[in-house]
Amino acid sequence: MTQHEEADLPQGPYKLRLFITGSTPRSTRAIENMRRICAENLEGRFDLEVVDVYQNPEATKELQIIATPTLVKILPEPLRRIIGDLSDRERVLAGLDLAPLGEDDQAHQ
């Protein structure tokens, strides 16, 4: 990545909310994947809140969560949602505005 590309990436704090359903393998994978991505790419610049929709079903209404796991990037704007276990690292980084989407990825959106 060039210095110019790095300058285009958001530098402020990230506010992230990960919606899961209990301690299922898919939920556990999503938490582990997101914690790893945050540690590697947002060290010291993120607040990751994990919300179990079984324990807090009301939390899904504000952000209109209809599937889990779903990661919501609240800050920096724009708000973005990424659905799935977050195992596709490049897709997650692109969704967080931490890496550009490749041409192949853009064609599938």
C-alpha atoms as a PDB file:
ATOM      1  CA  MET A   1       0.000   0.000   0.000  1.00  0.00           C
ATOM      2  CA  THR A   2       1.377   3.419  -0.915  1.00  0.00           C
ATOM      3  CA  GLN A   3       1.570   6.370   1.480  1.00  0.00           C
ATOM      4  CA  HIS A   4      -1.203   8.057  -0.512  1.00  0.00           C
ATOM      5  CA  GLU A   5      -3.479   5.022  -0.095  1.00  0.00           C
ATOM      6  CA  GLU A   6      -2.727   4.897   3.637  1.00  0.00           C
ATOM      7  CA  ALA A   7      -3.577   8.607   3.930  1.00  0.00           C
ATOM      8  CA  ASP A   8      -7.004   7.898   2.396  1.00  0.00           C
ATOM      9  CA  LEU A   9      -7.873   5.386   5.140  1.00  0.00           C
ATOM     10  CA  PRO A  10      -9.883   6.611   8.150  1.00  0.00           C
ATOM     11  CA  GLN A  11      -7.611   7.471  11.068  1.00  0.00           C
ATOM     12  CA  GLY A  12     -10.121   8.073  13.870  1.00  0.00           C
ATOM     13  CA  PRO A  13     -11.532   5.620  16.370  1.00  0.00           C
ATOM     14  CA  TYR A  14     -13.791   2.821  15.164  1.00  0.00           C
ATOM     15  CA  LYS A  15     -17.016   2.005  16.966  1.00  0.00           C
ATOM     16  CA  LEU A  16     -18.061  -1.528  16.036  1.00  0.00           C
ATOM     17  CA  ARG A  17     -20.980  -3.651  17.187  1.00  0.00           C
ATOM     18  CA  LEU A  18     -21.044  -7.381  16.502  1.00  0.00           C
ATOM     19  CA  PHE A  19     -24.453  -9.054  16.798  1.00  0.00           C
ATOM     20  CA  ILE A  20     -24.345 -12.797  17.537  1.00  0.00           C
ATOM     21  CA  THR A  21     -26.773 -15.508  18.633  1.00  0.00           C
ATOM     22  CA  GLY A  22     -25.488 -17.338  21.693  1.00  0.00           C
ATOM     23  CA  SER A  23     -22.286 -19.360  21.732  1.00  0.00           C
ATOM     24  CA  THR A  24     -22.772 -21.160  18.426  1.00  0.00           C
ATOM     25  CA  PRO A  25     -19.683 -22.144  16.405  1.00  0.00           C
ATOM     26  CA  ARG A  26     -20.556 -19.455  13.822  1.00  0.00           C
ATOM     27  CA  SER A  27     -20.858 -16.770  16.525  1.00  0.00           C
ATOM     28  CA  THR A  28     -17.595 -17.873  18.147  1.00  0.00           C
ATOM     29  CA  ARG A  29     -15.807 -17.749  14.753  1.00  0.00           C
ATOM     30  CA  ALA A  30     -17.170 -14.260  14.078  1.00  0.00           C
ATOM     31  CA  ILE A  31     -15.905 -12.974  17.444  1.00  0.00           C
ATOM     32  CA  GLU A  32     -12.460 -14.552  16.977  1.00  0.00           C
ATOM     33  CA  ASN A  33     -12.153 -13.273  13.390  1.00  0.00           C
ATOM     34  CA  MET A  34     -13.188  -9.739  14.352  1.00  0.00           C
ATOM     35  CA  ARG A  35     -10.877  -9.579  17.365  1.00  0.00           C
ATOM     36  CA  ARG A  36      -7.971 -10.705  15.165  1.00  0.00           C
ATOM     37  CA  ILE A  37      -8.787  -8.155  12.435  1.00  0.00           C
ATOM     38  CA  CYS A  38      -9.067  -5.372  15.020  1.00  0.00           C
ATOM     39  CA  ALA A  39      -5.785  -6.342  16.704  1.00  0.00           C
ATOM     40  CA  GLU A  40      -3.949  -6.434  13.376  1.00  0.00           C
ATOM     41  CA  ASN A  41      -5.466  -3.336  11.754  1.00  0.00           C
ATOM     42  CA  LEU A  42      -6.970  -1.069  14.415  1.00  0.00           C
ATOM     43  CA  GLU A  43      -4.681  -1.450  17.419  1.00  0.00           C
ATOM     44  CA  GLY A  44      -5.743   1.098  20.035  1.00  0.00           C
ATOM     45  CA  ARG A  45      -8.312   2.703  17.712  1.00  0.00           C
ATOM     46  CA  PHE A  46     -11.431   0.597  18.192  1.00  0.00           C
ATOM     47  CA  ASP A  47     -14.322  -0.132  20.519  1.00  0.00           C
ATOM     48  CA  LEU A  48     -15.834  -3.547  19.762  1.00  0.00           C
ATOM     49  CA  GLU A  49     -19.113  -4.338  21.489  1.00  0.00           C
ATOM     50  CA  VAL A  50     -20.458  -7.888  21.191  1.00  0.00           C
ATOM     51  CA  VAL A  51     -24.245  -8.119  21.520  1.00  0.00           C
ATOM     52  CA  ASP A  52     -25.920 -11.495  22.027  1.00  0.00           C
ATOM     53  CA  VAL A  53     -29.385 -11.074  20.535  1.00  0.00           C
ATOM     54  CA  TYR A  54     -30.712 -13.909  22.735  1.00  0.00           C
ATOM     55  CA  GLN A  55     -29.828 -11.861  25.831  1.00  0.00           C
ATOM     56  CA  ASN A  56     -30.645  -8.445  24.342  1.00  0.00           C
ATOM     57  CA  PRO A  57     -33.243  -8.777  21.535  1.00  0.00           C
ATOM     58  CA  GLU A  58     -34.170  -5.085  21.762  1.00  0.00           C
ATOM     59  CA  ALA A  59     -30.671  -4.115  20.549  1.00  0.00           C
ATOM     60  CA  THR A  60     -31.481  -5.377  17.047  1.00  0.00           C
ATOM     61  CA  LYS A  61     -34.269  -2.851  16.442  1.00  0.00           C
ATOM     62  CA  GLU A  62     -32.231   0.367  16.356  1.00  0.00           C
ATOM     63  CA  LEU A  63     -29.846  -0.917  13.664  1.00  0.00           C
ATOM     64  CA  GLN A  64     -32.428  -3.183  11.975  1.00  0.00           C
ATOM     65  CA  ILE A  65     -30.460  -6.412  12.391  1.00  0.00           C
ATOM     66  CA  ILE A  66     -32.200  -9.303  10.629  1.00  0.00           C
ATOM     67  CA  ALA A  67     -29.387 -11.894  10.459  1.00  0.00           C
ATOM     68  CA  THR A  68     -26.503 -12.952  12.669  1.00  0.00           C
ATOM     69  CA  PRO A  69     -23.645 -12.714  12.951  1.00  0.00           C
ATOM     70  CA  THR A  70     -23.702  -9.118  11.705  1.00  0.00           C
ATOM     71  CA  LEU A  71     -20.951  -6.585  12.238  1.00  0.00           C
ATOM     72  CA  VAL A  72     -22.036  -2.940  12.212  1.00  0.00           C
ATOM     73  CA  LYS A  73     -19.454  -0.186  11.716  1.00  0.00           C
ATOM     74  CA  ILE A  74     -21.023   2.780  13.464  1.00  0.00           C
ATOM     75  CA  LEU A  75     -18.003   5.087  13.332  1.00  0.00           C
ATOM     76  CA  PRO A  76     -16.374   6.413  11.303  1.00  0.00           C
ATOM     77  CA  GLU A  77     -19.298   7.094   9.030  1.00  0.00           C
ATOM     78  CA  PRO A  78     -20.817   5.870   6.801  1.00  0.00           C
ATOM     79  CA  LEU A  79     -22.552   3.144   8.766  1.00  0.00           C
ATOM     80  CA  ARG A  80     -21.875  -0.274   7.248  1.00  0.00           C
ATOM     81  CA  ARG A  81     -23.131  -3.812   7.892  1.00  0.00           C
ATOM     82  CA  ILE A  82     -21.166  -6.984   7.201  1.00  0.00           C
ATOM     83  CA  ILE A  83     -23.089 -10.232   7.543  1.00  0.00           C
ATOM     84  CA  GLY A  84     -21.450 -13.606   8.182  1.00  0.00           C
ATOM     85  CA  ASP A  85     -18.705 -15.117  10.307  1.00  0.00           C
ATOM     86  CA  LEU A  86     -16.183 -12.500   9.074  1.00  0.00           C
ATOM     87  CA  SER A  87     -13.824 -15.162   7.730  1.00  0.00           C
ATOM     88  CA  ASP A  88     -13.378 -13.301   4.411  1.00  0.00           C
ATOM     89  CA  ARG A  89     -10.719 -10.925   5.733  1.00  0.00           C
ATOM     90  CA  GLU A  90     -10.467  -8.827   2.552  1.00  0.00           C
ATOM     91  CA  ARG A  91     -14.224  -8.292   2.436  1.00  0.00           C
ATOM     92  CA  VAL A  92     -14.253  -7.238   6.099  1.00  0.00           C
ATOM     93  CA  LEU A  93     -11.332  -4.836   5.610  1.00  0.00           C
ATOM     94  CA  ALA A  94     -13.061  -3.313   2.577  1.00  0.00           C
ATOM     95  CA  GLY A  95     -16.302  -2.991   4.552  1.00  0.00           C
ATOM     96  CA  LEU A  96     -14.410  -1.169   7.293  1.00  0.00           C
ATOM     97  CA  ASP A  97     -12.747   1.113   4.710  1.00  0.00           C
ATOM     98  CA  LEU A  98      -9.357  -0.301   5.669  1.00  0.00           C
ATOM     99  CA  ALA A  99      -8.553  -1.715   2.234  1.00  0.00           C
ATOM    100  CA  PRO A 100      -9.835  -1.070  -1.271  1.00  0.00           C
ATOM    101  CA  LEU A 101     -12.024  -3.688  -2.906  1.00  0.00           C
ATOM    102  CA  GLY A 102     -10.382  -5.491  -5.786  1.00  0.00           C
ATOM    103  CA  GLU A 103     -12.024  -5.383  -9.221  1.00  0.00           C
ATOM    104  CA  ASP A 104     -13.363  -8.931  -8.787  1.00  0.00           C
ATOM    105  CA  ASP A 105     -14.944  -8.011  -5.433  1.00  0.00           C
ATOM    106  CA  GLN A 106     -16.624  -4.899  -6.847  1.00  0.00           C
ATOM    107  CA  ALA A 107     -18.243  -6.933  -9.620  1.00  0.00           C
ATOM    108  CA  HIS A 108     -20.019  -9.112  -7.029  1.00  0.00           C
ATOM    109  CA  GLN A 109     -21.593  -6.296  -5.035  1.00  0.00           C
END
